[in-house]
Protein backbone atom coordinates (compact mmCIF):
# COMPACT_ATOMS: atom_id res chain seq x y z
CA UNK A 1 -13.04 -6.93 16.28
CA UNK A 2 -14.96 -3.84 17.82
CA UNK A 3 -17.08 -1.96 15.57
CA UNK A 4 -16.81 1.52 14.68
CA UNK A 5 -19.11 4.08 16.20
CA UNK A 6 -19.82 7.31 14.52
CA UNK A 7 -22.16 9.17 17.40
CA UNK A 8 -19.05 9.54 19.82
CA UNK A 9 -16.37 12.44 19.72
CA UNK A 10 -12.81 10.86 18.98
CA UNK A 11 -9.21 11.94 19.30
CA UNK A 12 -5.83 10.39 18.37
CA UNK A 13 -2.36 11.59 18.06
CA UNK A 14 -1.65 12.12 14.32
CA UNK A 15 2.26 12.12 14.79
CA UNK A 16 4.63 9.59 16.28
CA UNK A 17 4.41 9.29 19.98
CA UNK A 18 8.24 10.35 20.55
CA UNK A 19 9.75 13.63 21.58
CA UNK A 20 9.67 16.22 18.83
CA UNK A 21 9.39 19.83 18.12
CA UNK A 22 5.72 19.62 17.33
CA UNK A 23 2.76 17.25 17.91
CA UNK A 24 -0.75 17.10 16.21
CA UNK A 25 -3.80 15.75 17.93
CA UNK A 26 -6.94 15.79 15.98
CA UNK A 27 -10.45 15.34 17.18
CA UNK A 28 -13.71 14.68 15.34
CA UNK A 29 -17.53 14.38 16.05
CA UNK A 30 -20.64 16.21 16.82
CA UNK A 31 -20.24 18.77 19.46
CA UNK A 32 -16.53 18.20 19.84
CA UNK A 33 -16.02 21.96 19.50
CA UNK A 34 -18.18 22.77 22.32
CA UNK A 35 -16.33 20.06 24.62
CA UNK A 36 -13.01 21.84 23.96
CA UNK A 37 -14.17 25.49 24.23
CA UNK A 38 -14.04 25.81 28.06
CA UNK A 39 -10.51 24.41 28.25
CA UNK A 40 -9.16 26.64 25.25
CA UNK A 41 -8.47 30.30 25.78
CA UNK A 42 -9.19 31.06 22.12
CA UNK A 43 -12.73 31.67 21.12
CA UNK A 44 -13.24 28.71 18.85
CA UNK A 45 -17.07 28.36 19.04
CA UNK A 46 -17.51 31.69 17.27
CA UNK A 47 -14.75 31.29 14.70
CA UNK A 48 -14.99 30.38 11.19
CA UNK A 49 -14.18 26.75 9.55
CA UNK A 50 -10.69 26.96 8.56
CA UNK A 51 -9.59 29.31 11.22
CA UNK A 52 -6.21 29.21 12.92
CA UNK A 53 -6.40 30.20 16.70
CA UNK A 54 -3.63 30.59 19.13
CA UNK A 55 -3.88 30.12 22.85
CA UNK A 56 -3.46 28.01 25.77
CA UNK A 57 -5.14 24.41 26.34
CA UNK A 58 -6.27 24.22 30.23
CA UNK A 59 -6.58 21.33 32.38
CA UNK A 60 -9.92 20.97 34.31
CA UNK A 61 -8.24 22.68 37.40
CA UNK A 62 -7.78 25.65 35.33
CA UNK A 63 -3.91 25.15 34.72
CA UNK A 64 -2.12 25.86 31.47
CA UNK A 65 -1.20 22.49 29.96
CA UNK A 66 0.58 24.03 26.78
CA UNK A 67 0.54 26.97 24.64
CA UNK A 68 -0.80 25.73 21.20
CA UNK A 69 -2.41 26.48 17.79
CA UNK A 70 -5.85 25.11 16.97
CA UNK A 71 -7.47 24.74 13.58
CA UNK A 72 -11.34 24.54 13.19
CA UNK A 73 -13.09 22.62 11.05
CA UNK A 74 -17.16 23.27 10.91
CA UNK A 75 -19.31 20.34 9.73
CA UNK A 76 -18.95 19.59 6.11
CA UNK A 77 -15.56 20.76 6.21
CA UNK A 78 -12.06 18.74 7.00
CA UNK A 79 -11.07 15.42 6.52
CA UNK A 80 -14.13 13.37 8.38
CA UNK A 81 -16.60 16.06 7.16
CA UNK A 82 -17.61 16.18 10.92
CA UNK A 83 -17.50 19.00 13.24
CA UNK A 84 -13.60 18.66 14.23
CA UNK A 85 -10.20 20.68 15.33
CA UNK A 86 -6.45 19.70 15.10
CA UNK A 87 -4.11 20.91 17.99
CA UNK A 88 -0.61 21.51 17.43
CA UNK A 89 1.34 21.39 20.52
CA UNK A 90 4.86 20.82 21.73
CA UNK A 91 6.02 17.34 21.08
CA UNK A 92 6.74 16.68 24.83
CA UNK A 93 5.54 13.33 25.81
CA UNK A 94 4.13 14.66 28.97
CA UNK A 95 2.09 17.22 27.17
CA UNK A 96 0.77 14.91 24.75
CA UNK A 97 -0.16 12.66 27.95
CA UNK A 98 -1.95 15.72 29.80
CA UNK A 99 -4.04 16.45 26.51
CA UNK A 100 -5.02 13.00 25.94
CA UNK A 101 -6.02 12.68 29.59
CA UNK A 102 -7.74 15.89 29.39
CA UNK A 103 -9.93 14.74 26.21
CA UNK A 104 -10.72 11.40 27.94
CA UNK A 105 -12.21 13.36 31.13
CA UNK A 106 -14.46 15.55 29.06
CA UNK A 107 -15.83 12.60 26.93
CA UNK A 108 -13.73 12.53 23.65
CA UNK A 109 -12.57 9.14 23.54
CA UNK A 110 -9.43 7.64 21.82
CA UNK A 111 -10.08 6.51 18.02
CA UNK A 112 -9.55 3.23 16.88
CA UNK A 113 -6.95 2.72 14.00
CA UNK A 114 -8.65 3.97 10.77
CA UNK A 115 -11.66 5.40 12.52
CA UNK A 116 -11.10 9.04 11.15
CA UNK A 117 -10.95 7.59 7.40
CA UNK A 118 -13.75 5.23 8.14
CA UNK A 119 -15.92 8.60 9.15
CA UNK A 120 -14.91 10.24 6.04
CA UNK A 121 -15.79 7.11 3.97
CA UNK A 122 -19.11 6.80 5.76
CA UNK A 123 -19.82 10.86 5.38
CA UNK A 124 -19.14 10.60 1.49
CA UNK A 125 -16.13 12.57 1.72
CA UNK A 126 -14.18 9.64 -0.33
CA UNK A 127 -15.24 6.21 -1.70
CA UNK A 128 -13.45 2.99 -0.53
CA UNK A 129 -10.82 3.03 -3.27
CA UNK A 130 -9.47 6.63 -1.96
CA UNK A 131 -9.78 5.51 1.64
CA UNK A 132 -7.50 2.72 0.88
CA UNK A 133 -5.07 5.02 -1.03
CA UNK A 134 -4.76 7.13 2.14
CA UNK A 135 -2.96 4.11 4.07
CA UNK A 136 -1.01 3.21 1.01
CA UNK A 137 0.58 6.74 1.13
CA UNK A 138 1.28 6.51 4.73
CA UNK A 139 3.05 3.09 4.09
CA UNK A 140 4.71 4.04 0.75
CA UNK A 141 8.35 3.22 0.83
CA UNK A 142 9.50 5.02 -2.19
CA UNK A 143 8.32 8.03 -4.23
CA UNK A 144 6.76 6.05 -7.04
CA UNK A 145 4.59 4.23 -4.66
CA UNK A 146 3.57 7.36 -3.08
CA UNK A 147 2.74 9.01 -6.23
CA UNK A 148 0.75 6.21 -7.48
CA UNK A 149 -1.16 6.30 -4.11
CA UNK A 150 -2.03 9.86 -4.41
CA UNK A 151 -3.30 9.39 -7.77
CA UNK A 152 -5.73 6.89 -6.69
CA UNK A 153 -6.77 9.37 -3.63
CA UNK A 154 -7.64 11.73 -6.50
CA UNK A 155 -10.37 9.07 -7.50
CA UNK A 156 -9.11 7.66 -10.56
CA UNK A 157 -10.36 4.13 -9.64
CA UNK A 158 -13.67 5.49 -8.89
CA UNK A 159 -13.84 7.43 -12.31
CA UNK A 160 -13.27 3.88 -13.91
CA UNK A 161 -15.79 2.26 -11.97
CA UNK A 162 -18.29 4.77 -12.48
CA UNK A 163 -17.87 4.80 -16.46
CA UNK A 164 -18.06 0.79 -16.33
CA UNK A 165 -21.07 1.23 -14.15
CA UNK A 166 -22.61 3.54 -16.39
CA UNK A 167 -22.00 1.44 -19.66
CA UNK A 168 -23.49 -1.75 -17.95
CA UNK A 169 -26.35 0.20 -16.71
CA UNK A 170 -27.42 1.28 -20.27
CA UNK A 171 -27.07 -2.38 -21.70
CA UNK A 172 -29.37 -3.52 -18.57
CA UNK A 173 -31.81 -1.11 -19.26
CA UNK A 174 -32.05 -1.76 -22.84
CA UNK A 175 -32.19 -5.72 -21.96
CA UNK A 176 -35.04 -5.15 -19.43
CA UNK A 177 -37.30 -3.41 -21.89
CA UNK A 178 -37.61 -6.79 -23.54
CA UNK A 179 -38.25 -8.37 -19.90
CA UNK A 180 -41.17 -6.05 -19.81
CA UNK A 181 -43.02 -7.54 -22.87
CA UNK A 182 -44.26 -11.04 -23.12
CA UNK A 183 -42.97 -13.36 -25.75
CA UNK A 184 -45.64 -12.38 -28.11
CA UNK A 185 -44.98 -8.64 -27.67
CA UNK A 186 -41.16 -8.05 -27.94
CA UNK A 187 -40.75 -4.98 -30.14
CA UNK A 188 -37.54 -6.12 -31.71
CA UNK A 189 -35.20 -8.73 -31.25
CA UNK A 190 -32.16 -7.92 -28.68
CA UNK A 191 -28.71 -8.78 -29.58
CA UNK A 192 -25.94 -9.02 -26.88
CA UNK A 193 -23.43 -6.08 -27.20
CA UNK A 194 -20.46 -8.00 -27.49
CA UNK A 195 -17.88 -5.24 -28.68
CA UNK A 196 -19.19 -3.14 -25.97
CA UNK A 197 -19.01 -5.66 -23.22
CA UNK A 198 -15.51 -6.94 -24.55
CA UNK A 199 -14.31 -3.10 -24.12
CA UNK A 200 -15.31 -2.99 -20.77
CA UNK A 201 -14.12 -6.24 -19.71
CA UNK A 202 -10.73 -5.48 -21.45
CA UNK A 203 -10.51 -1.97 -19.57
CA UNK A 204 -11.20 -3.78 -16.02
CA UNK A 205 -8.78 -6.62 -16.81
CA UNK A 206 -6.09 -4.29 -17.63
CA UNK A 207 -6.54 -2.21 -14.18
CA UNK A 208 -6.57 -5.58 -12.42
CA UNK A 209 -3.33 -6.51 -14.21
CA UNK A 210 -1.49 -3.49 -12.51
CA UNK A 211 -1.60 -4.94 -9.15
CA UNK A 212 1.58 -7.19 -9.27
CA UNK A 213 3.46 -4.40 -10.35
CA UNK A 214 2.25 -1.81 -8.18
CA UNK A 215 2.98 -4.18 -5.08
CA UNK A 216 6.56 -4.30 -6.15
CA UNK A 217 7.05 -0.70 -5.92
CA UNK A 218 5.11 -0.35 -2.72
CA UNK A 219 5.92 -3.36 -0.74
CA UNK A 220 9.33 -3.97 -2.55
CA UNK A 221 11.10 -7.45 -2.64
CA UNK A 222 13.42 -9.70 -0.77
CA UNK A 223 16.83 -10.17 -2.34
CA UNK A 224 19.48 -12.48 -1.00
CA UNK A 225 23.24 -12.57 -2.00
CA UNK A 226 24.58 -16.00 -1.78
CA UNK A 227 27.47 -18.15 -2.83
CA UNK A 228 30.51 -19.76 -1.38
CA UNK A 229 32.86 -18.14 0.95
CA UNK A 230 35.25 -15.38 -0.25
CA UNK A 231 33.32 -15.08 -3.49
CA UNK A 232 32.78 -11.38 -3.00
CA UNK A 233 29.36 -11.19 -1.49
CA UNK A 234 30.12 -8.98 1.15
CA UNK A 235 31.75 -6.35 -1.32
CA UNK A 236 28.56 -6.70 -3.35
CA UNK A 237 26.49 -5.86 -0.54
CA UNK A 238 28.25 -3.10 0.43
CA UNK A 239 28.57 -1.61 -2.95
CA UNK A 240 24.60 -1.63 -3.50
CA UNK A 241 23.97 -0.20 0.01
CA UNK A 242 26.89 2.56 -0.67
CA UNK A 243 28.14 1.74 2.79
CA UNK A 244 30.79 -0.58 4.60
CA UNK A 245 27.63 -2.38 6.29
CA UNK A 246 29.36 -6.01 5.90
CA UNK A 247 32.85 -7.12 6.99
CA UNK A 248 35.10 -7.81 4.12
CA UNK A 249 38.10 -10.21 4.89
CA UNK A 250 40.17 -12.67 2.82
CA UNK A 251 39.48 -15.22 5.78
CA UNK A 252 37.04 -17.64 4.91
CA UNK A 253 33.78 -18.07 6.69
CA UNK A 254 33.84 -14.05 8.04
CA UNK A 255 30.33 -14.11 7.83
CA UNK A 256 28.77 -16.46 9.88
CA UNK A 257 25.03 -15.00 10.08
CA UNK A 258 23.18 -13.25 7.75
CA UNK A 259 22.78 -9.29 7.98
CA UNK A 260 20.04 -7.47 6.57
CA UNK A 261 19.47 -3.79 5.40
CA UNK A 262 16.60 -1.79 3.58
CA UNK A 263 17.87 -0.42 0.64
CA UNK A 264 16.42 1.02 -2.90
CA UNK A 265 17.44 -0.14 -6.36
CA UNK A 266 16.09 1.65 -9.18
CA UNK A 267 13.26 3.08 -7.28
CA UNK A 268 12.40 -0.47 -5.92
CA UNK A 269 12.18 -1.05 -1.93
CA UNK A 270 14.57 -3.91 -1.37
CA UNK A 271 15.06 -6.01 1.83
CA UNK A 272 18.79 -6.96 1.12
CA UNK A 273 20.53 -9.76 2.73
CA UNK A 274 24.17 -10.71 2.70
CA UNK A 275 24.75 -14.42 3.93
CA UNK A 276 27.04 -17.12 5.16
CA UNK A 277 29.20 -18.37 2.28
CA UNK A 278 28.67 -21.99 1.16
CA UNK A 279 31.53 -24.56 2.19
CA UNK A 280 32.01 -27.71 4.24
CA UNK A 281 32.66 -26.73 7.77
CA UNK A 282 32.60 -28.63 11.07
CA UNK A 283 32.34 -25.29 12.92
CA UNK A 284 28.76 -25.38 14.50
CA UNK A 285 28.04 -21.50 14.53
CA UNK A 286 29.28 -21.45 10.75
CA UNK A 287 27.08 -24.46 10.04
CA UNK A 288 24.25 -22.84 11.38
CA UNK A 289 24.76 -19.61 9.30
CA UNK A 290 24.88 -21.98 6.26
CA UNK A 291 21.49 -23.41 7.17
CA UNK A 292 19.87 -20.07 7.78
CA UNK A 293 21.40 -18.91 4.29
CA UNK A 294 19.55 -22.01 2.58
CA UNK A 295 16.28 -21.18 4.16
CA UNK A 296 16.52 -17.45 3.35
CA UNK A 297 17.02 -18.60 -0.43
CA UNK A 298 13.82 -20.59 -0.21
CA UNK A 299 11.66 -17.32 0.36
CA UNK A 300 13.63 -14.97 -1.46
CA UNK A 301 12.23 -13.21 -4.36
CA UNK A 302 15.58 -12.87 -6.00
CA UNK A 303 18.61 -14.70 -5.33
CA UNK A 304 21.73 -13.02 -6.51
CA UNK A 305 24.46 -15.80 -6.74
CA UNK A 306 27.83 -14.57 -6.67
CA UNK A 307 30.92 -16.48 -8.04
CA UNK A 308 34.40 -16.05 -8.03
CA UNK A 309 35.41 -16.93 -11.47
CA UNK A 310 38.79 -18.36 -10.57
CA UNK A 311 36.75 -21.22 -8.68
CA UNK A 312 34.91 -24.33 -10.26
CA UNK A 313 31.34 -22.87 -8.50
CA UNK A 314 28.40 -22.91 -10.51
CA UNK A 315 24.84 -21.08 -9.58
CA UNK A 316 22.07 -23.52 -8.83
CA UNK A 317 19.02 -23.86 -11.26
CA UNK A 318 16.12 -21.75 -10.14
CA UNK A 319 14.57 -19.05 -12.17
CA UNK A 320 15.01 -16.52 -9.31
CA UNK A 321 18.74 -16.64 -9.42
CA UNK A 322 20.78 -13.94 -11.18
CA UNK A 323 24.54 -15.26 -11.54
CA UNK A 324 27.11 -12.32 -10.82
CA UNK A 325 30.92 -12.86 -11.08
CA UNK A 326 33.18 -10.84 -8.94
CA UNK A 327 36.84 -10.04 -10.09
CA UNK A 328 35.93 -8.23 -13.20
CA UNK A 329 39.75 -8.28 -14.21
CA UNK A 330 39.61 -11.99 -15.26
CA UNK A 331 36.09 -12.20 -16.49
CA UNK A 332 35.13 -12.17 -20.02
CA UNK A 333 33.13 -8.93 -19.89
CA UNK A 334 31.04 -9.66 -23.16
CA UNK A 335 30.06 -13.06 -21.87
CA UNK A 336 29.32 -12.71 -18.02
CA UNK A 337 27.80 -10.22 -15.89
CA UNK A 338 30.69 -9.08 -13.32
CA UNK A 339 31.78 -6.36 -11.36
CA UNK A 340 34.91 -5.00 -9.40
CA UNK A 341 34.77 -4.76 -5.70
CA UNK A 342 37.66 -2.24 -5.88
CA UNK A 343 36.58 0.19 -8.74
CA UNK A 344 32.92 -0.40 -8.68
CA UNK A 345 32.99 -1.03 -12.73
CA UNK A 346 30.07 -3.05 -13.54
CA UNK A 347 27.95 -2.17 -10.60
CA UNK A 348 25.54 -0.26 -12.76
CA UNK A 349 24.97 -3.39 -15.03
CA UNK A 350 24.41 -5.57 -12.19
CA UNK A 351 21.73 -3.02 -10.62
CA UNK A 352 19.98 -3.03 -14.11
CA UNK A 353 20.27 -6.72 -13.91
CA UNK A 354 18.55 -7.09 -10.57
CA UNK A 355 16.02 -4.52 -11.71
CA UNK A 356 15.16 -6.39 -14.98
CA UNK A 357 15.04 -9.75 -12.92
CA UNK A 358 12.63 -8.21 -10.42
CA UNK A 359 10.25 -6.38 -13.01
CA UNK A 360 10.21 -9.65 -15.52
CA UNK A 361 6.70 -10.53 -16.43
CA UNK A 362 5.34 -7.23 -14.90
CA UNK A 363 3.91 -4.47 -17.21
CA UNK A 364 2.10 -1.20 -16.65
CA UNK A 365 -0.70 -0.60 -18.97
CA UNK A 366 -0.49 2.87 -20.30
CA UNK A 367 -3.46 5.21 -19.81
CA UNK A 368 -4.91 2.90 -17.07
CA UNK A 369 -4.90 3.56 -13.22
CA UNK A 370 -2.80 1.39 -11.13
CA UNK A 371 -4.19 -0.33 -8.22
CA UNK A 372 -2.28 -1.54 -4.87
CA UNK A 373 -5.07 -3.57 -3.23
CA UNK A 374 -5.72 -7.37 -3.50
CA UNK A 375 -9.32 -6.37 -2.54
CA UNK A 376 -9.65 -4.05 -5.62
CA UNK A 377 -8.14 -6.45 -7.88
CA UNK A 378 -10.57 -9.04 -6.99
CA UNK A 379 -13.62 -7.12 -7.43
CA UNK A 380 -12.36 -5.72 -11.18
CA UNK A 381 -12.13 -9.37 -12.02
CA UNK A 382 -15.34 -10.59 -10.54
CA UNK A 383 -17.07 -7.84 -12.59
CA UNK A 384 -15.27 -8.86 -15.86
CA UNK A 385 -15.86 -12.62 -15.17
CA UNK A 386 -19.64 -11.79 -14.80
CA UNK A 387 -19.86 -9.73 -17.85
CA UNK A 388 -18.17 -12.80 -19.67
CA UNK A 389 -20.84 -15.03 -17.99
CA UNK A 390 -23.81 -13.02 -19.07
CA UNK A 391 -22.60 -12.98 -22.90
CA UNK A 392 -22.55 -17.18 -22.43
CA UNK A 393 -25.73 -17.12 -21.16
CA UNK A 394 -27.73 -15.42 -24.07
CA UNK A 395 -28.88 -19.23 -24.96
CA UNK A 396 -30.54 -19.61 -21.38
CA UNK A 397 -32.76 -16.46 -21.76
CA UNK A 398 -32.61 -12.77 -21.10
CA UNK A 399 -33.57 -13.43 -17.25
CA UNK A 400 -30.21 -15.13 -16.64
CA UNK A 401 -28.32 -12.39 -18.99
CA UNK A 402 -29.65 -9.79 -16.49
CA UNK A 403 -28.71 -11.49 -13.47
CA UNK A 404 -25.07 -11.78 -14.45
CA UNK A 405 -25.42 -8.14 -15.67
CA UNK A 406 -26.56 -7.21 -12.05
CA UNK A 407 -23.86 -9.26 -10.53
CA UNK A 408 -21.21 -7.31 -12.20
CA UNK A 409 -22.81 -4.07 -10.85
CA UNK A 410 -22.69 -5.74 -7.55
CA UNK A 411 -18.98 -6.16 -7.77
CA UNK A 412 -18.29 -2.42 -8.92
CA UNK A 413 -20.32 -1.40 -5.94
CA UNK A 414 -18.38 -3.52 -3.54
CA UNK A 415 -15.28 -2.10 -5.05
CA UNK A 416 -15.93 1.39 -4.46
CA UNK A 417 -17.91 0.71 -1.14
CA UNK A 418 -21.34 1.46 -2.37
CA UNK A 419 -22.41 -1.99 -1.20
CA UNK A 420 -20.04 -3.47 1.38
CA UNK A 421 -20.63 -5.61 4.30
CA UNK A 422 -19.95 -4.13 7.91
CA UNK A 423 -17.42 -6.80 8.72
CA UNK A 424 -15.48 -5.90 5.35
CA UNK A 425 -15.30 -2.47 6.50
CA UNK A 426 -14.04 -3.17 10.10
CA UNK A 427 -11.51 -5.54 8.63
CA UNK A 428 -10.20 -3.05 6.16
CA UNK A 429 -10.02 0.21 8.25
CA UNK A 430 -8.39 -1.69 11.32
CA UNK A 431 -5.20 -2.24 9.45
CA UNK A 432 -4.85 1.69 9.32
CA UNK A 433 -2.52 3.55 11.50
CA UNK A 434 -3.72 5.43 14.53
CA UNK A 435 -4.79 8.88 13.43
CA UNK A 436 -5.92 7.77 10.13
């Protein structure tokens, strides 16, 4: 994996590479403004930071490439805290290619994935948890997920880490007073501040516990609708999607392969599958479809098993299974979860049941920020575990206790990026999209 360099001017297309009304190309790095000036008709070098300038981008041959708007950012301003600019040009692919070629020609190279955010982190514009939140906002699939990521971008995790760090530093400082004296010179007995440490540990563990819940709202779940042929699977699939995506027919075996769509159920992003119905068949294509249904069920987060109440079918025993009966008109409404494919009656209860099944065992702790990073969860738990080991180590001497307190501080430092190896940074930022 190539390492990021911060001593070269970089550029990237910050909008999708496709025809559109506008495109945004951003560039950053020392001297990048002076590199652009000869090829831009506006007086960008003399403009103040944050100034918006209108003009033409010209090629090295002097010909106009496009009429554009440029925003200038002086050093210490803008996203990366470096000297930078953003060009808003027409979203024509030839225009984008020509501006990119110009930049390459004048010494501004194309950025790697995540390189702009890496520079923002290296220049102290944000800590590592905020940097991760940038990509989480970009990848968010629901409004709830985006809102939680935006909260993290504001620095809520950093604030919590700083509070815990300062508390641990105070404890460590009081302990090191004892370490500075010989055994016969200790000014007073030092007692481990259990209550104080337990409060820190509880807070860190509470934040770490939000990870599973947050992943559901951001990455979503795989929901497979299964059951026998003609049980009403496709009708439920269409009802949940609110469109006629799957063919509904009284003929058995109509669905011979699974179909899938992205959906949102009570704010949860879902990959929803309608599958081939189970039955004995010698038809090769349908048999293969049934095998694929079984394979999907193995990897599903939730299996919605649809049963025709007039049949003798029974749902498989699996904690991931939610049994739903079709044909509401012949089901005892008080005893079974059911819906009508004709009127839609009962669908709201089915949706509530799906949401309840997906969120079972997940709880959002009031008053703590939510995390969406496995790395952050691990560092929070590492810090909490080190504090626990510090308390257990009182019998082995103050030196050992101090070692574990310092280990907790190191984990918090890795959480925010204060102490992080270059290989970790390369891996983290390389997963970002281009232009970020």
